[in-house]
C-alpha atoms as a PDB file:
ATOM      1  CA  MET A   1     240.033-106.668 114.187  1.00  0.00           C
ATOM      2  CA  ASN A   2     242.202-106.856 110.865  1.00  0.00           C
ATOM      3  CA  LYS A   3     243.118-103.713 108.984  1.00  0.00           C
ATOM      4  CA  ILE A   4     240.062-102.545 106.795  1.00  0.00           C
ATOM      5  CA  VAL A   5     240.236-101.101 103.129  1.00  0.00           C
ATOM      6  CA  PHE A   6     237.888 -99.290 101.743  1.00  0.00           C
ATOM      7  CA  ILE A   7     237.672 -99.758  98.194  1.00  0.00           C
ATOM      8  CA  THR A   8     235.504 -97.749  95.514  1.00  0.00           C
ATOM      9  CA  GLY A   9     234.044 -99.642  92.176  1.00  0.00           C
ATOM     10  CA  THR A  10     235.011-102.971  93.211  1.00  0.00           C
ATOM     11  CA  THR A  11     232.547-104.863  91.320  1.00  0.00           C
ATOM     12  CA  SER A  12     234.989-105.070  88.273  1.00  0.00           C
ATOM     13  CA  GLY A  13     238.646-104.089  87.065  1.00  0.00           C
ATOM     14  CA  PHE A  14     241.006-102.791  89.232  1.00  0.00           C
ATOM     15  CA  GLY A  15     238.417-102.340  92.257  1.00  0.00           C
ATOM     16  CA  GLU A  16     237.832-106.284  92.254  1.00  0.00           C
ATOM     17  CA  ALA A  17     241.507-107.158  91.608  1.00  0.00           C
ATOM     18  CA  CYS A  18     242.158-105.257  94.785  1.00  0.00           C
ATOM     19  CA  ALA A  19     239.859-106.670  96.507  1.00  0.00           C
ATOM     20  CA  LEU A  20     240.892-110.143  95.827  1.00  0.00           C
ATOM     21  CA  GLN A  21     244.525-108.736  96.513  1.00  0.00           C
ATOM     22  CA  PHE A  22     243.531-107.394 100.139  1.00  0.00           C
ATOM     23  CA  ALA A  23     241.080-109.952 101.064  1.00  0.00           C
ATOM     24  CA  LYS A  24     244.050-112.499 100.093  1.00  0.00           C
ATOM     25  CA  ASN A  25     246.371-110.826 102.464  1.00  0.00           C
ATOM     26  CA  GLY A  26     243.855-110.981 105.403  1.00  0.00           C
ATOM     27  CA  TYR A  27     242.090-107.529 105.011  1.00  0.00           C
ATOM     28  CA  ASN A  28     238.924-106.768 106.074  1.00  0.00           C
ATOM     29  CA  LEU A  29     236.843-104.900 103.344  1.00  0.00           C
ATOM     30  CA  ILE A  30     234.401-102.334 102.720  1.00  0.00           C
ATOM     31  CA  LEU A  31     233.269-102.625  99.220  1.00  0.00           C
ATOM     32  CA  ASN A  32     231.545-100.015  97.281  1.00  0.00           C
ATOM     33  CA  GLY A  33     230.085-100.311  93.948  1.00  0.00           C
ATOM     34  CA  ARG A  34     226.254 -99.102  92.273  1.00  0.00           C
ATOM     35  CA  ARG A  35     225.642-103.015  91.296  1.00  0.00           C
ATOM     36  CA  GLU A  36     224.162-104.302  94.686  1.00  0.00           C
ATOM     37  CA  ASP A  37     223.663-107.844  93.569  1.00  0.00           C
ATOM     38  CA  ARG A  38     227.394-108.055  92.434  1.00  0.00           C
ATOM     39  CA  LEU A  39     228.765-106.372  95.682  1.00  0.00           C
ATOM     40  CA  GLN A  40     226.826-109.318  97.719  1.00  0.00           C
ATOM     41  CA  ASN A  41     227.994-112.010  95.692  1.00  0.00           C
ATOM     42  CA  GLN A  42     231.866-110.819  95.842  1.00  0.00           C
ATOM     43  CA  LYS A  43     231.222-110.177  99.827  1.00  0.00           C
ATOM     44  CA  HIS A  44     230.173-113.816  99.919  1.00  0.00           C
ATOM     45  CA  TYR A  45     233.019-115.364  97.908  1.00  0.00           C
ATOM     46  CA  LEU A  46     236.238-113.362  99.903  1.00  0.00           C
ATOM     47  CA  GLU A  47     234.477-114.244 102.945  1.00  0.00           C
ATOM     48  CA  ASP A  48     234.306-117.836 102.392  1.00  0.00           C
ATOM     49  CA  LYS A  49     237.368-118.003 100.283  1.00  0.00           C
ATOM     50  CA  TYR A  50     239.919-116.004 102.458  1.00  0.00           C
ATOM     51  CA  GLY A  51     238.346-115.793 105.972  1.00  0.00           C
ATOM     52  CA  VAL A  52     237.985-112.084 106.006  1.00  0.00           C
ATOM     53  CA  LYS A  53     234.966-110.086 107.305  1.00  0.00           C
ATOM     54  CA  CYS A  54     233.135-107.751 104.101  1.00  0.00           C
ATOM     55  CA  PHE A  55     230.724-104.955 104.523  1.00  0.00           C
ATOM     56  CA  ALA A  56     228.842-103.917 101.298  1.00  0.00           C
ATOM     57  CA  ALA A  57     228.128-100.613 101.049  1.00  0.00           C
ATOM     58  CA  PRO A  58     226.099 -99.724  97.658  1.00  0.00           C
ATOM     59  CA  PHE A  59     226.013 -96.217  96.370  1.00  0.00           C
ATOM     60  CA  ASP A  60     227.369 -94.377  93.415  1.00  0.00           C
ATOM     61  CA  VAL A  61     230.052 -92.045  94.246  1.00  0.00           C
ATOM     62  CA  ARG A  62     228.500 -89.394  92.396  1.00  0.00           C
ATOM     63  CA  ASP A  63     225.618 -89.306  95.005  1.00  0.00           C
ATOM     64  CA  GLN A  64     226.912 -86.524  97.603  1.00  0.00           C
ATOM     65  CA  LYS A  65     223.992 -87.706 100.166  1.00  0.00           C
ATOM     66  CA  ALA A  66     224.442 -91.140  99.539  1.00  0.00           C
ATOM     67  CA  VAL A  67     228.159 -91.376 100.293  1.00  0.00           C
ATOM     68  CA  PHE A  68     227.712 -89.162 103.384  1.00  0.00           C
ATOM     69  CA  GLU A  69     224.747 -90.936 104.953  1.00  0.00           C
ATOM     70  CA  THR A  70     226.756 -94.539 104.157  1.00  0.00           C
ATOM     71  CA  ILE A  71     229.741 -93.562 105.529  1.00  0.00           C
ATOM     72  CA  ASN A  72     228.824 -91.885 108.647  1.00  0.00           C
ATOM     73  CA  ASN A  73     225.864 -94.672 109.514  1.00  0.00           C
ATOM     74  CA  LEU A  74     229.134 -97.239 109.234  1.00  0.00           C
ATOM     75  CA  PRO A  75     229.314 -99.380 112.056  1.00  0.00           C
ATOM     76  CA  GLU A  76     231.710 -98.092 114.812  1.00  0.00           C
ATOM     77  CA  ASP A  77     234.003-100.883 114.068  1.00  0.00           C
ATOM     78  CA  TRP A  78     234.052-100.370 110.412  1.00  0.00           C
ATOM     79  CA  LYS A  79     234.936 -96.654 110.822  1.00  0.00           C
ATOM     80  CA  HIS A  80     238.147 -97.797 111.748  1.00  0.00           C
ATOM     81  CA  VAL A  81     239.203 -97.396 107.931  1.00  0.00           C
ATOM     82  CA  ASP A  82     243.169 -97.928 107.625  1.00  0.00           C
ATOM     83  CA  ILE A  83     243.317 -97.400 103.646  1.00  0.00           C
ATOM     84  CA  LEU A  84     240.927 -96.033 101.266  1.00  0.00           C
ATOM     85  CA  VAL A  85     241.586 -96.441  98.080  1.00  0.00           C
ATOM     86  CA  ASN A  86     239.377 -94.205  95.259  1.00  0.00           C
ATOM     87  CA  ASN A  87     239.181 -96.652  92.292  1.00  0.00           C
ATOM     88  CA  ALA A  88     235.711 -95.532  90.989  1.00  0.00           C
ATOM     89  CA  GLY A  89     236.561 -93.641  87.559  1.00  0.00           C
ATOM     90  CA  LEU A  90     235.742 -93.974  83.948  1.00  0.00           C
ATOM     91  CA  ALA A  91     236.149 -92.571  80.267  1.00  0.00           C
ATOM     92  CA  LEU A  92     233.208 -92.317  78.266  1.00  0.00           C
ATOM     93  CA  GLY A  93     233.834 -91.425  74.329  1.00  0.00           C
ATOM     94  CA  ARG A  94     236.766 -90.821  72.351  1.00  0.00           C
ATOM     95  CA  ASP A  95     235.587 -87.893  70.654  1.00  0.00           C
ATOM     96  CA  GLN A  96     237.369 -84.463  69.639  1.00  0.00           C
ATOM     97  CA  PHE A  97     236.293 -81.549  71.827  1.00  0.00           C
ATOM     98  CA  ASP A  98     233.705 -79.905  69.481  1.00  0.00           C
ATOM     99  CA  LYS A  99     232.248 -82.998  68.876  1.00  0.00           C
ATOM    100  CA  ALA A 100     232.279 -84.315  72.579  1.00  0.00           C
ATOM    101  CA  SER A 101     228.825 -85.079  74.781  1.00  0.00           C
ATOM    102  CA  LEU A 102     228.110 -82.529  77.760  1.00  0.00           C
ATOM    103  CA  ASP A 103     226.449 -85.811  79.180  1.00  0.00           C
ATOM    104  CA  ASP A 104     229.816 -87.816  78.887  1.00  0.00           C
ATOM    105  CA  TRP A 105     231.450 -84.715  80.473  1.00  0.00           C
ATOM    106  CA  ASP A 106     229.455 -84.266  83.601  1.00  0.00           C
ATOM    107  CA  THR A 107     229.489 -88.100  83.976  1.00  0.00           C
ATOM    108  CA  MET A 108     233.210 -88.149  83.845  1.00  0.00           C
ATOM    109  CA  ILE A 109     233.801 -85.034  86.082  1.00  0.00           C
ATOM    110  CA  ASP A 110     231.211 -86.249  88.716  1.00  0.00           C
ATOM    111  CA  THR A 111     232.717 -89.501  89.036  1.00  0.00           C
ATOM    112  CA  ASN A 112     236.515 -89.170  88.711  1.00  0.00           C
ATOM    113  CA  VAL A 113     236.802 -86.009  90.618  1.00  0.00           C
ATOM    114  CA  LYS A 114     233.682 -85.255  92.269  1.00  0.00           C
ATOM    115  CA  GLY A 115     233.142 -88.628  93.765  1.00  0.00           C
ATOM    116  CA  LEU A 116     236.696 -89.226  95.013  1.00  0.00           C
ATOM    117  CA  LEU A 117     236.165 -85.834  96.834  1.00  0.00           C
ATOM    118  CA  TYR A 118     233.035 -87.028  98.613  1.00  0.00           C
ATOM    119  CA  VAL A 119     234.557 -90.129  99.464  1.00  0.00           C
ATOM    120  CA  SER A 120     237.394 -88.957 100.562  1.00  0.00           C
ATOM    121  CA  LYS A 121     235.971 -86.505 102.690  1.00  0.00           C
ATOM    122  CA  ALA A 122     233.665 -88.537 104.445  1.00  0.00           C
ATOM    123  CA  ILE A 123     236.773 -90.870 105.017  1.00  0.00           C
ATOM    124  CA  ILE A 124     239.189 -88.310 106.602  1.00  0.00           C
ATOM    125  CA  PRO A 125     237.454 -87.477 109.617  1.00  0.00           C
ATOM    126  CA  PHE A 126     238.064 -91.454 110.316  1.00  0.00           C
ATOM    127  CA  MET A 127     241.708 -91.260 109.919  1.00  0.00           C
ATOM    128  CA  ILE A 128     242.527 -87.724 111.513  1.00  0.00           C
ATOM    129  CA  LYS A 129     240.800 -89.316 114.684  1.00  0.00           C
ATOM    130  CA  ARG A 130     243.401 -92.192 114.581  1.00  0.00           C
ATOM    131  CA  LYS A 131     246.021 -89.898 113.566  1.00  0.00           C
ATOM    132  CA  LYS A 132     246.941 -92.393 110.665  1.00  0.00           C
ATOM    133  CA  GLY A 133     245.595 -94.020 107.404  1.00  0.00           C
ATOM    134  CA  HIS A 134     246.810 -94.301 103.658  1.00  0.00           C
ATOM    135  CA  ILE A 135     244.662 -92.992 101.088  1.00  0.00           C
ATOM    136  CA  ILE A 136     245.644 -94.079  97.545  1.00  0.00           C
ATOM    137  CA  ASN A 137     244.131 -92.220  94.587  1.00  0.00           C
ATOM    138  CA  ILE A 138     243.996 -94.102  91.103  1.00  0.00           C
ATOM    139  CA  GLY A 139     244.538 -91.799  88.359  1.00  0.00           C
ATOM    140  CA  SER A 140     245.849 -92.504  85.018  1.00  0.00           C
ATOM    141  CA  THR A 141     248.857 -91.982  82.568  1.00  0.00           C
ATOM    142  CA  ALA A 142     246.136 -89.185  81.265  1.00  0.00           C
ATOM    143  CA  ALA A 143     246.890 -86.959  83.762  1.00  0.00           C
ATOM    144  CA  LYS A 144     250.420 -86.880  82.757  1.00  0.00           C
ATOM    145  CA  GLU A 145     249.718 -85.511  78.606  1.00  0.00           C
ATOM    146  CA  ALA A 146     246.839 -85.180  77.363  1.00  0.00           C
ATOM    147  CA  TYR A 147     245.821 -87.115  73.835  1.00  0.00           C
ATOM    148  CA  GLU A 148     243.724 -86.416  71.202  1.00  0.00           C
ATOM    149  CA  GLY A 149     240.059 -87.174  71.959  1.00  0.00           C
ATOM    150  CA  GLY A 150     241.427 -87.217  75.871  1.00  0.00           C
ATOM    151  CA  ASN A 151     240.076 -83.879  76.974  1.00  0.00           C
ATOM    152  CA  VAL A 152     237.723 -83.990  79.674  1.00  0.00           C
ATOM    153  CA  TYR A 153     238.888 -87.458  80.769  1.00  0.00           C
ATOM    154  CA  CYS A 154     242.763 -86.496  80.497  1.00  0.00           C
ATOM    155  CA  ALA A 155     241.021 -83.405  82.676  1.00  0.00           C
ATOM    156  CA  SER A 156     239.480 -85.463  85.456  1.00  0.00           C
ATOM    157  CA  LYS A 157     242.693 -87.167  85.793  1.00  0.00           C
ATOM    158  CA  SER A 158     244.774 -84.285  85.997  1.00  0.00           C
ATOM    159  CA  ALA A 159     242.541 -82.798  88.668  1.00  0.00           C
ATOM    160  CA  VAL A 160     242.893 -86.400  91.054  1.00  0.00           C
ATOM    161  CA  ASP A 161     246.977 -85.701  90.403  1.00  0.00           C
ATOM    162  CA  ALA A 162     246.585 -82.237  91.538  1.00  0.00           C
ATOM    163  CA  ILE A 163     244.142 -83.415  94.505  1.00  0.00           C
ATOM    164  CA  SER A 164     246.595 -86.045  95.769  1.00  0.00           C
ATOM    165  CA  LYS A 165     249.302 -83.078  96.026  1.00  0.00           C
ATOM    166  CA  ALA A 166     247.210 -80.994  97.824  1.00  0.00           C
ATOM    167  CA  MET A 167     246.071 -83.800  99.968  1.00  0.00           C
ATOM    168  CA  ARG A 168     249.307 -84.787 100.616  1.00  0.00           C
ATOM    169  CA  ILE A 169     249.915 -81.225 101.769  1.00  0.00           C
ATOM    170  CA  ASP A 170     247.016 -80.702 103.737  1.00  0.00           C
ATOM    171  CA  LEU A 171     247.002 -83.822 105.643  1.00  0.00           C
ATOM    172  CA  LEU A 172     250.650 -84.338 106.355  1.00  0.00           C
ATOM    173  CA  GLN A 173     249.776 -82.945 109.687  1.00  0.00           C
ATOM    174  CA  HIS A 174     247.738 -85.906 110.705  1.00  0.00           C
ATOM    175  CA  PHE A 175     250.253 -88.662 109.404  1.00  0.00           C
ATOM    176  CA  ILE A 176     248.087 -89.380 106.645  1.00  0.00           C
ATOM    177  CA  LYS A 177     249.590 -90.937 103.623  1.00  0.00           C
ATOM    178  CA  VAL A 178     248.499 -90.119  99.909  1.00  0.00           C
ATOM    179  CA  THR A 179     249.548 -92.113  97.147  1.00  0.00           C
ATOM    180  CA  ALA A 180     248.664 -91.289  93.395  1.00  0.00           C
ATOM    181  CA  ILE A 181     248.865 -94.004  91.484  1.00  0.00           C
ATOM    182  CA  HIS A 182     248.553 -93.476  87.531  1.00  0.00           C
ATOM    183  CA  PRO A 183     248.357 -96.787  85.093  1.00  0.00           C
ATOM    184  CA  GLY A 184     248.374 -96.831  81.181  1.00  0.00           C
ATOM    185  CA  ALA A 185     246.672 -99.346  78.940  1.00  0.00           C
ATOM    186  CA  ALA A 186     245.145-101.960  80.970  1.00  0.00           C
ATOM    187  CA  GLU A 187     243.018-104.671  79.568  1.00  0.00           C
ATOM    188  CA  THR A 188     239.443-104.144  81.691  1.00  0.00           C
ATOM    189  CA  GLU A 189     236.243-103.255  81.411  1.00  0.00           C
ATOM    190  CA  PHE A 190     237.613 -99.845  80.475  1.00  0.00           C
ATOM    191  CA  SER A 191     237.408 -99.563  76.961  1.00  0.00           C
ATOM    192  CA  LEU A 192     234.256-101.207  76.686  1.00  0.00           C
ATOM    193  CA  VAL A 193     232.754 -98.556  78.840  1.00  0.00           C
ATOM    194  CA  ARG A 194     234.399 -96.091  77.299  1.00  0.00           C
ATOM    195  CA  PHE A 195     233.295 -96.884  73.787  1.00  0.00           C
ATOM    196  CA  LYS A 196     229.777 -97.919  75.153  1.00  0.00           C
ATOM    197  CA  GLY A 197     229.372-101.576  74.509  1.00  0.00           C
ATOM    198  CA  ALA A 198     231.032-101.586  70.777  1.00  0.00           C
ATOM    199  CA  GLU A 199     233.340-104.597  71.682  1.00  0.00           C
ATOM    200  CA  ASP A 200     235.187-104.346  68.253  1.00  0.00           C
ATOM    201  CA  THR A 201     236.436-101.047  68.858  1.00  0.00           C
ATOM    202  CA  ALA A 202     237.530-101.294  72.417  1.00  0.00           C
ATOM    203  CA  LYS A 203     239.453-104.806  71.831  1.00  0.00           C
ATOM    204  CA  LYS A 204     241.348-102.815  68.642  1.00  0.00           C
ATOM    205  CA  VAL A 205     242.716-100.576  71.619  1.00  0.00           C
ATOM    206  CA  TYR A 206     245.057-103.459  72.855  1.00  0.00           C
ATOM    207  CA  GLU A 207     246.008-104.661  69.405  1.00  0.00           C
ATOM    208  CA  GLY A 208     249.878-105.205  68.852  1.00  0.00           C
ATOM    209  CA  PHE A 209     251.018-105.559  72.390  1.00  0.00           C
ATOM    210  CA  VAL A 210     250.590-106.837  76.100  1.00  0.00           C
ATOM    211  CA  PRO A 211     248.588-104.402  78.003  1.00  0.00           C
ATOM    212  CA  LEU A 212     248.697-104.368  81.730  1.00  0.00           C
ATOM    213  CA  SER A 213     245.990-106.539  83.631  1.00  0.00           C
ATOM    214  CA  ALA A 214     243.839-105.416  86.686  1.00  0.00           C
ATOM    215  CA  ALA A 215     245.880-107.985  88.759  1.00  0.00           C
ATOM    216  CA  ASP A 216     248.973-106.281  87.826  1.00  0.00           C
ATOM    217  CA  VAL A 217     247.779-103.048  89.100  1.00  0.00           C
ATOM    218  CA  ALA A 218     246.184-104.488  92.177  1.00  0.00           C
ATOM    219  CA  ASP A 219     249.697-105.691  92.754  1.00  0.00           C
ATOM    220  CA  VAL A 220     251.420-102.223  92.650  1.00  0.00           C
ATOM    221  CA  ILE A 221     248.368-100.568  94.778  1.00  0.00           C
ATOM    222  CA  TYR A 222     248.840-103.360  97.408  1.00  0.00           C
ATOM    223  CA  TYR A 223     252.649-102.856  97.653  1.00  0.00           C
ATOM    224  CA  THR A 224     252.521 -99.262  98.242  1.00  0.00           C
ATOM    225  CA  ALA A 225     250.136 -99.793 100.938  1.00  0.00           C
ATOM    226  CA  SER A 226     252.517-102.217 102.580  1.00  0.00           C
ATOM    227  CA  LEU A 227     255.535-100.330 103.077  1.00  0.00           C
ATOM    228  CA  PRO A 228     256.495 -99.830 106.600  1.00  0.00           C
ATOM    229  CA  ALA A 229     254.462 -96.489 108.457  1.00  0.00           C
ATOM    230  CA  HIS A 230     257.483 -93.989 107.525  1.00  0.00           C
ATOM    231  CA  VAL A 231     257.670 -95.000 104.156  1.00  0.00           C
ATOM    232  CA  CYS A 232     255.059 -93.390 101.263  1.00  0.00           C
ATOM    233  CA  ILE A 233     255.133 -93.336  97.946  1.00  0.00           C
ATOM    234  CA  ASN A 234     253.795 -90.008  96.570  1.00  0.00           C
ATOM    235  CA  ASP A 235     253.282 -90.518  92.997  1.00  0.00           C
ATOM    236  CA  LEU A 236     253.786 -93.482  90.647  1.00  0.00           C
ATOM    237  CA  VAL A 237     253.270 -93.976  87.108  1.00  0.00           C
ATOM    238  CA  VAL A 238     253.249 -97.751  86.057  1.00  0.00           C
ATOM    239  CA  THR A 239     252.776 -98.979  82.068  1.00  0.00           C
ATOM    240  CA  CYS A 240     253.394-101.865  80.334  1.00  0.00           C
ATOM    241  CA  THR A 241     257.001-102.303  78.845  1.00  0.00           C
ATOM    242  CA  GLN A 242     255.354-101.247  75.519  1.00  0.00           C
ATOM    243  CA  GLN A 243     253.957 -98.276  76.440  1.00  0.00           C
ATOM    244  CA  ALA A 244     255.854 -95.116  77.043  1.00  0.00           C
ATOM    245  CA  ASN A 245     253.265 -92.531  78.282  1.00  0.00           C
ATOM    246  CA  SER A 246     249.791 -91.887  77.388  1.00  0.00           C
ATOM    247  CA  PHE A 247     249.563 -92.095  73.687  1.00  0.00           C
ATOM    248  CA  VAL A 248     253.020 -94.061  72.681  1.00  0.00           C
ATOM    249  CA  ILE A 249     252.925 -97.521  72.114  1.00  0.00           C
ATOM    250  CA  ASN A 250     254.852 -99.987  70.417  1.00  0.00           C
ATOM    251  CA  ARG A 251     252.411-102.108  68.570  1.00  0.00           C
ATOM    252  CA  SER A 252     254.946-104.206  66.498  1.00  0.00           C
ATOM    253  CA  GLY A 253     253.841-107.604  68.537  1.00  0.00           C
ATOM    254  CA  THR A 254     253.328-109.036  71.811  1.00  0.00           C
ATOM    255  CA  ILE A 255     256.424-110.029  73.848  1.00  0.00           C
ATOM    256  CA  GLU A 256     257.151-112.698  76.282  1.00  0.00           C
END
């Protein structure tokens, strides 16, 4: 059986681009997302186009019971997970701390932090048993510097950064690689979700510069996963040329 990559949040954005990139390179895929209809369409498309095998695992990473039930009940052949990409995540709102929504905070913490922990905890025993594996956690430049209105989103991605460091230490004895990838501004559904469907506000985020695309980030993720067994990229920050950090961007015009 080809190598297996388990990707959370594959129905849009980075996750969808990752699924395409890994399928194109012959990996079999476990596709996870909340929207089962999209998962099934994605599964059939990737199988037909690239001749790989796909397994649809529809669950919400926030649902601890669903995570463990689904993963523990995978067919035996699908438990040989070589790579886990913890991609599922989101930002909600851009309100200052005193005005922010508690519901938004809960959703970000439950998805970005607890969801990553649940999926990792369920998958890691498969890797330990085989004495190999690679966990790739998708963070953000927001993990590196807090910015106005970022509060809990920045905190949740800082947690991903810290969890990745701790995982790397604890799983070293099992020969499991851990990579944290921190993308900067990337034009996906991210801002549309953050601003709750307000398209004009979402578009303004990317005005005056050329942001990353989902495919750009997927290329980087695939590169870190395709290195020799003895090589691990531990921590990687990737931005577009016009972005210096989580909040400094040159918006003076687009570049070639």
